[in-house]
Every structure is written in structure tokens, then in C-alpha cells.
Amino acid sequence: MGECPYCKHNWTYREKLLGYALKPRTRIKCPECKEYLEPSTLSIIYDYIAILCVALFIFILIPIMSWPIVPSLLISFIMFLLYLLLFQPLTVRFKHYEYNIKDKTKG
């Protein structure tokens, strides 16, 4: 979980949280080998499923339950923090992707 495909560096929770979860970008640099890494397709699918579940709970279930505003906001905030601080850093996996890029000097 969270291993660099180039140098096999195992990312710590803090590196995953500060380097991946809290930064809105698609690729990041490995702290050891400085190669650019991208999250695996499975990690992205897990993120979409988790975001969808949190959004459904916040925007559909909480209004249906007709709770007072303060507990509803508190539960929504706690769910978002759980996603951001636990789910996303603990489920990220990195993969090395090979892209077919045409060399402009040959053409």
C-alpha cells in the first residue's frame, strides 16, 4: 500500500496525507527517488465510490432524516474528515504508467 513502483519506497501515513490526500493534483513526486507517480486506477475508483457515498449521505440521507442543522452539519463534517484523513491515505496505491508520446525531433 503506497509503495513507489520505481524505488520501492513505502510511503508513511504522513507522506500520503500531506503529499497526496491534501493536494489537489493527479501526480506527485516520490520523496526518495523524485520520480513522478500517479495513483493506480483502483485507487481512483475507490476515491470515486467513497466520494459518492459521502455525497449521498450528506445531500440525500441527512435532509430526509429531518435532523436539526447542528447535528447534521457535525455528522457531515466528521464524514468528510474520515474520508480525507483515513480512507484516502490508507487506500492509495501508486502505479508506473507508460505513455505513447511521439518524439517531435524525429518527425
N, C-alpha and C. Protein backbone atom coordinates (compact mmCIF):
# COMPACT_ATOMS: atom_id res chain seq x y z
N MET A 1 0.85 -1.19 0.00
CA MET A 1 0.00 0.00 0.00
C MET A 1 0.88 1.24 0.00
N GLY A 2 0.75 2.08 -1.02
CA GLY A 2 1.51 3.31 -1.08
C GLY A 2 2.99 3.07 -1.30
N GLU A 3 3.33 2.16 -2.22
CA GLU A 3 4.74 1.85 -2.49
C GLU A 3 5.12 2.43 -3.84
N CYS A 4 6.29 3.05 -3.90
CA CYS A 4 6.78 3.62 -5.15
C CYS A 4 7.16 2.48 -6.10
N PRO A 5 6.65 2.50 -7.33
CA PRO A 5 7.00 1.42 -8.27
C PRO A 5 8.44 1.52 -8.78
N TYR A 6 9.11 2.65 -8.59
CA TYR A 6 10.48 2.81 -9.06
C TYR A 6 11.49 2.34 -8.02
N CYS A 7 11.42 2.91 -6.81
CA CYS A 7 12.44 2.64 -5.79
C CYS A 7 11.92 1.77 -4.65
N LYS A 8 10.67 1.38 -4.69
CA LYS A 8 10.03 0.53 -3.66
C LYS A 8 9.97 1.20 -2.28
N HIS A 9 9.97 2.53 -2.28
CA HIS A 9 9.84 3.28 -1.02
C HIS A 9 8.42 3.12 -0.49
N ASN A 10 8.27 2.66 0.74
CA ASN A 10 6.96 2.58 1.38
C ASN A 10 6.62 3.92 1.99
N TRP A 11 5.55 4.50 1.51
CA TRP A 11 5.14 5.81 1.99
C TRP A 11 4.57 5.69 3.40
N THR A 12 4.92 6.64 4.25
CA THR A 12 4.34 6.68 5.59
C THR A 12 2.96 7.32 5.50
N TYR A 13 2.20 7.21 6.58
CA TYR A 13 0.87 7.83 6.61
C TYR A 13 1.00 9.34 6.41
N ARG A 14 1.98 9.95 7.06
CA ARG A 14 2.16 11.40 6.98
C ARG A 14 2.50 11.81 5.53
N GLU A 15 3.37 11.06 4.85
CA GLU A 15 3.70 11.38 3.47
C GLU A 15 2.48 11.25 2.57
N LYS A 16 1.66 10.23 2.80
CA LYS A 16 0.46 10.06 1.97
C LYS A 16 -0.55 11.15 2.26
N LEU A 17 -0.68 11.53 3.52
CA LEU A 17 -1.65 12.56 3.87
C LEU A 17 -1.22 13.92 3.32
N LEU A 18 0.01 14.33 3.60
CA LEU A 18 0.47 15.65 3.18
C LEU A 18 0.87 15.70 1.71
N GLY A 19 1.36 14.60 1.17
CA GLY A 19 1.83 14.61 -0.21
C GLY A 19 0.78 14.24 -1.23
N TYR A 20 -0.24 13.50 -0.81
CA TYR A 20 -1.24 13.05 -1.78
C TYR A 20 -2.65 13.50 -1.43
N ALA A 21 -3.11 13.21 -0.24
CA ALA A 21 -4.52 13.43 0.11
C ALA A 21 -4.90 14.91 0.17
N LEU A 22 -4.02 15.75 0.67
CA LEU A 22 -4.38 17.16 0.86
C LEU A 22 -4.00 18.06 -0.31
N LYS A 23 -3.40 17.50 -1.34
CA LYS A 23 -3.01 18.30 -2.50
C LYS A 23 -3.86 17.92 -3.70
N PRO A 24 -4.55 18.88 -4.29
CA PRO A 24 -5.43 18.57 -5.42
C PRO A 24 -4.67 18.47 -6.74
N ARG A 25 -3.93 17.40 -6.92
CA ARG A 25 -3.23 17.18 -8.18
C ARG A 25 -3.27 15.70 -8.51
N THR A 26 -3.02 15.38 -9.75
CA THR A 26 -3.14 13.98 -10.16
C THR A 26 -1.84 13.20 -10.01
N ARG A 27 -0.70 13.86 -10.03
CA ARG A 27 0.55 13.13 -9.85
C ARG A 27 1.43 13.86 -8.85
N ILE A 28 2.28 13.09 -8.19
CA ILE A 28 3.16 13.65 -7.17
C ILE A 28 4.54 13.04 -7.33
N LYS A 29 5.52 13.63 -6.65
CA LYS A 29 6.88 13.12 -6.69
C LYS A 29 7.14 12.22 -5.49
N CYS A 30 7.87 11.15 -5.72
CA CYS A 30 8.30 10.27 -4.64
C CYS A 30 9.34 11.02 -3.81
N PRO A 31 9.25 11.00 -2.49
CA PRO A 31 10.23 11.71 -1.67
C PRO A 31 11.64 11.12 -1.74
N GLU A 32 11.76 9.87 -2.16
CA GLU A 32 13.07 9.22 -2.22
C GLU A 32 13.73 9.39 -3.59
N CYS A 33 13.09 8.90 -4.65
CA CYS A 33 13.72 8.90 -5.97
C CYS A 33 13.33 10.10 -6.83
N LYS A 34 12.39 10.92 -6.38
CA LYS A 34 11.93 12.13 -7.07
C LYS A 34 11.27 11.85 -8.43
N GLU A 35 10.83 10.61 -8.66
CA GLU A 35 10.09 10.29 -9.88
C GLU A 35 8.63 10.67 -9.69
N TYR A 36 7.97 11.04 -10.78
CA TYR A 36 6.56 11.36 -10.70
C TYR A 36 5.74 10.07 -10.63
N LEU A 37 4.77 10.06 -9.72
CA LEU A 37 3.90 8.90 -9.51
C LEU A 37 2.46 9.31 -9.76
N GLU A 38 1.68 8.36 -10.21
CA GLU A 38 0.25 8.57 -10.38
C GLU A 38 -0.49 7.49 -9.60
N PRO A 39 -1.66 7.83 -9.05
CA PRO A 39 -2.43 6.79 -8.35
C PRO A 39 -2.92 5.74 -9.33
N SER A 40 -3.02 4.52 -8.86
CA SER A 40 -3.50 3.44 -9.72
C SER A 40 -4.98 3.63 -10.03
N THR A 41 -5.44 2.95 -11.04
CA THR A 41 -6.84 3.04 -11.44
C THR A 41 -7.76 2.57 -10.32
N LEU A 42 -7.36 1.54 -9.60
CA LEU A 42 -8.16 1.04 -8.49
C LEU A 42 -8.29 2.08 -7.38
N SER A 43 -7.21 2.82 -7.10
CA SER A 43 -7.28 3.89 -6.10
C SER A 43 -8.25 4.97 -6.51
N ILE A 44 -8.25 5.31 -7.79
CA ILE A 44 -9.17 6.34 -8.29
C ILE A 44 -10.61 5.86 -8.19
N ILE A 45 -10.86 4.59 -8.51
CA ILE A 45 -12.21 4.03 -8.39
C ILE A 45 -12.67 4.05 -6.94
N TYR A 46 -11.79 3.66 -6.00
CA TYR A 46 -12.13 3.72 -4.57
C TYR A 46 -12.47 5.14 -4.15
N ASP A 47 -11.71 6.12 -4.65
CA ASP A 47 -11.98 7.52 -4.31
C ASP A 47 -13.36 7.95 -4.81
N TYR A 48 -13.69 7.59 -6.04
CA TYR A 48 -14.99 7.97 -6.59
C TYR A 48 -16.14 7.33 -5.81
N ILE A 49 -15.98 6.07 -5.45
CA ILE A 49 -17.02 5.39 -4.67
C ILE A 49 -17.19 6.05 -3.31
N ALA A 50 -16.07 6.35 -2.64
CA ALA A 50 -16.14 6.98 -1.32
C ALA A 50 -16.76 8.37 -1.40
N ILE A 51 -16.36 9.15 -2.39
CA ILE A 51 -16.92 10.50 -2.54
C ILE A 51 -18.42 10.42 -2.83
N LEU A 52 -18.82 9.48 -3.67
CA LEU A 52 -20.23 9.31 -3.97
C LEU A 52 -21.03 8.93 -2.72
N CYS A 53 -20.50 8.02 -1.91
CA CYS A 53 -21.19 7.62 -0.67
C CYS A 53 -21.31 8.78 0.31
N VAL A 54 -20.24 9.53 0.49
CA VAL A 54 -20.28 10.68 1.39
C VAL A 54 -21.25 11.72 0.87
N ALA A 55 -21.22 11.99 -0.44
CA ALA A 55 -22.15 12.98 -1.01
C ALA A 55 -23.59 12.53 -0.88
N LEU A 56 -23.87 11.25 -1.13
CA LEU A 56 -25.24 10.75 -0.97
C LEU A 56 -25.72 10.90 0.47
N PHE A 57 -24.85 10.60 1.40
CA PHE A 57 -25.23 10.73 2.81
C PHE A 57 -25.49 12.18 3.17
N ILE A 58 -24.59 13.07 2.73
CA ILE A 58 -24.73 14.49 3.10
C ILE A 58 -25.91 15.14 2.41
N PHE A 59 -26.08 14.90 1.12
CA PHE A 59 -27.10 15.64 0.37
C PHE A 59 -28.46 14.95 0.28
N ILE A 60 -28.53 13.65 0.57
CA ILE A 60 -29.81 12.96 0.46
C ILE A 60 -30.28 12.41 1.80
N LEU A 61 -29.47 11.64 2.46
CA LEU A 61 -29.90 10.99 3.69
C LEU A 61 -30.13 11.95 4.85
N ILE A 62 -29.20 12.88 5.05
CA ILE A 62 -29.36 13.82 6.17
C ILE A 62 -30.60 14.70 5.99
N PRO A 63 -30.88 15.25 4.79
CA PRO A 63 -32.12 16.02 4.66
C PRO A 63 -33.38 15.17 4.85
N ILE A 64 -33.34 13.90 4.44
CA ILE A 64 -34.51 13.03 4.62
C ILE A 64 -34.79 12.76 6.09
N MET A 65 -33.72 12.66 6.89
CA MET A 65 -33.88 12.35 8.32
C MET A 65 -34.46 13.51 9.11
N SER A 66 -34.44 14.70 8.56
CA SER A 66 -35.01 15.89 9.20
C SER A 66 -34.42 16.15 10.59
N TRP A 67 -33.12 16.01 10.69
CA TRP A 67 -32.44 16.33 11.94
C TRP A 67 -32.23 17.83 12.05
N PRO A 68 -31.98 18.32 13.25
CA PRO A 68 -31.62 19.75 13.38
C PRO A 68 -30.33 20.04 12.62
N ILE A 69 -30.10 21.29 12.32
CA ILE A 69 -28.99 21.68 11.45
C ILE A 69 -27.63 21.41 12.08
N VAL A 70 -27.46 21.62 13.38
CA VAL A 70 -26.15 21.45 14.02
C VAL A 70 -25.69 19.98 13.99
N PRO A 71 -26.52 19.01 14.40
CA PRO A 71 -26.05 17.62 14.29
C PRO A 71 -25.81 17.18 12.84
N SER A 72 -26.63 17.67 11.93
CA SER A 72 -26.45 17.32 10.52
C SER A 72 -25.12 17.84 9.99
N LEU A 73 -24.79 19.09 10.29
CA LEU A 73 -23.52 19.65 9.86
C LEU A 73 -22.34 18.95 10.53
N LEU A 74 -22.48 18.62 11.79
CA LEU A 74 -21.42 17.94 12.52
C LEU A 74 -21.15 16.55 11.93
N ILE A 75 -22.19 15.81 11.66
CA ILE A 75 -22.03 14.47 11.06
C ILE A 75 -21.43 14.59 9.66
N SER A 76 -21.87 15.56 8.88
CA SER A 76 -21.31 15.77 7.54
C SER A 76 -19.82 16.10 7.60
N PHE A 77 -19.46 16.96 8.53
CA PHE A 77 -18.06 17.35 8.69
C PHE A 77 -17.21 16.16 9.14
N ILE A 78 -17.72 15.37 10.06
CA ILE A 78 -17.00 14.19 10.54
C ILE A 78 -16.81 13.17 9.41
N MET A 79 -17.84 12.96 8.61
CA MET A 79 -17.72 12.02 7.49
C MET A 79 -16.69 12.49 6.47
N PHE A 80 -16.69 13.79 6.20
CA PHE A 80 -15.71 14.33 5.26
C PHE A 80 -14.29 14.17 5.81
N LEU A 81 -14.09 14.44 7.09
CA LEU A 81 -12.77 14.27 7.70
C LEU A 81 -12.33 12.82 7.71
N LEU A 82 -13.25 11.90 7.98
CA LEU A 82 -12.90 10.48 7.93
C LEU A 82 -12.45 10.07 6.54
N TYR A 83 -13.15 10.56 5.54
CA TYR A 83 -12.74 10.27 4.16
C TYR A 83 -11.35 10.84 3.88
N LEU A 84 -11.15 12.10 4.24
CA LEU A 84 -9.90 12.79 3.90
C LEU A 84 -8.71 12.29 4.71
N LEU A 85 -8.92 12.01 6.00
CA LEU A 85 -7.79 11.65 6.87
C LEU A 85 -7.57 10.15 7.02
N LEU A 86 -8.57 9.34 6.75
CA LEU A 86 -8.40 7.89 6.92
C LEU A 86 -8.52 7.13 5.60
N PHE A 87 -9.63 7.28 4.93
CA PHE A 87 -9.88 6.46 3.76
C PHE A 87 -8.90 6.73 2.64
N GLN A 88 -8.76 7.98 2.25
CA GLN A 88 -7.92 8.29 1.10
C GLN A 88 -6.44 7.95 1.32
N PRO A 89 -5.81 8.35 2.43
CA PRO A 89 -4.40 7.98 2.59
C PRO A 89 -4.16 6.48 2.76
N LEU A 90 -5.11 5.77 3.34
CA LEU A 90 -4.90 4.35 3.60
C LEU A 90 -5.23 3.45 2.41
N THR A 91 -5.87 3.97 1.39
CA THR A 91 -6.21 3.13 0.23
C THR A 91 -5.43 3.48 -1.03
N VAL A 92 -4.58 4.50 -0.99
CA VAL A 92 -3.87 4.90 -2.21
C VAL A 92 -2.77 3.89 -2.54
N ARG A 93 -2.69 3.60 -3.83
CA ARG A 93 -1.62 2.77 -4.38
C ARG A 93 -1.11 3.48 -5.63
N PHE A 94 0.18 3.39 -5.85
CA PHE A 94 0.78 4.07 -6.99
C PHE A 94 1.16 3.07 -8.06
N LYS A 95 1.15 3.55 -9.31
CA LYS A 95 1.47 2.68 -10.44
C LYS A 95 2.30 3.47 -11.44
N HIS A 96 3.19 2.78 -12.11
CA HIS A 96 4.00 3.38 -13.17
C HIS A 96 3.27 3.18 -14.49
N TYR A 97 2.95 4.27 -15.17
CA TYR A 97 2.26 4.20 -16.45
C TYR A 97 3.22 4.55 -17.57
N GLU A 98 3.15 3.80 -18.65
CA GLU A 98 3.93 4.09 -19.86
C GLU A 98 3.00 4.77 -20.85
N TYR A 99 3.36 5.97 -21.27
CA TYR A 99 2.54 6.71 -22.23
C TYR A 99 3.22 6.67 -23.60
N ASN A 100 2.41 6.54 -24.63
CA ASN A 100 2.92 6.56 -26.00
C ASN A 100 2.99 8.01 -26.45
N ILE A 101 4.16 8.60 -26.28
CA ILE A 101 4.36 10.01 -26.65
C ILE A 101 5.25 10.03 -27.89
N LYS A 102 4.78 10.72 -28.91
CA LYS A 102 5.55 10.82 -30.15
C LYS A 102 6.72 11.77 -29.95
N ASP A 103 7.86 11.37 -30.44
CA ASP A 103 9.06 12.19 -30.36
C ASP A 103 8.99 13.26 -31.45
N LYS A 104 8.98 14.54 -31.09
CA LYS A 104 8.85 15.62 -32.05
C LYS A 104 10.13 15.84 -32.86
N THR A 105 11.26 15.36 -32.36
CA THR A 105 12.51 15.58 -33.09
C THR A 105 12.65 14.62 -34.28
N LYS A 106 11.92 13.49 -34.26
CA LYS A 106 12.03 12.53 -35.35
C LYS A 106 11.07 12.83 -36.51
N GLY A 107 10.06 13.64 -36.28
CA GLY A 107 9.04 13.85 -37.30
C GLY A 107 9.15 15.08 -38.01
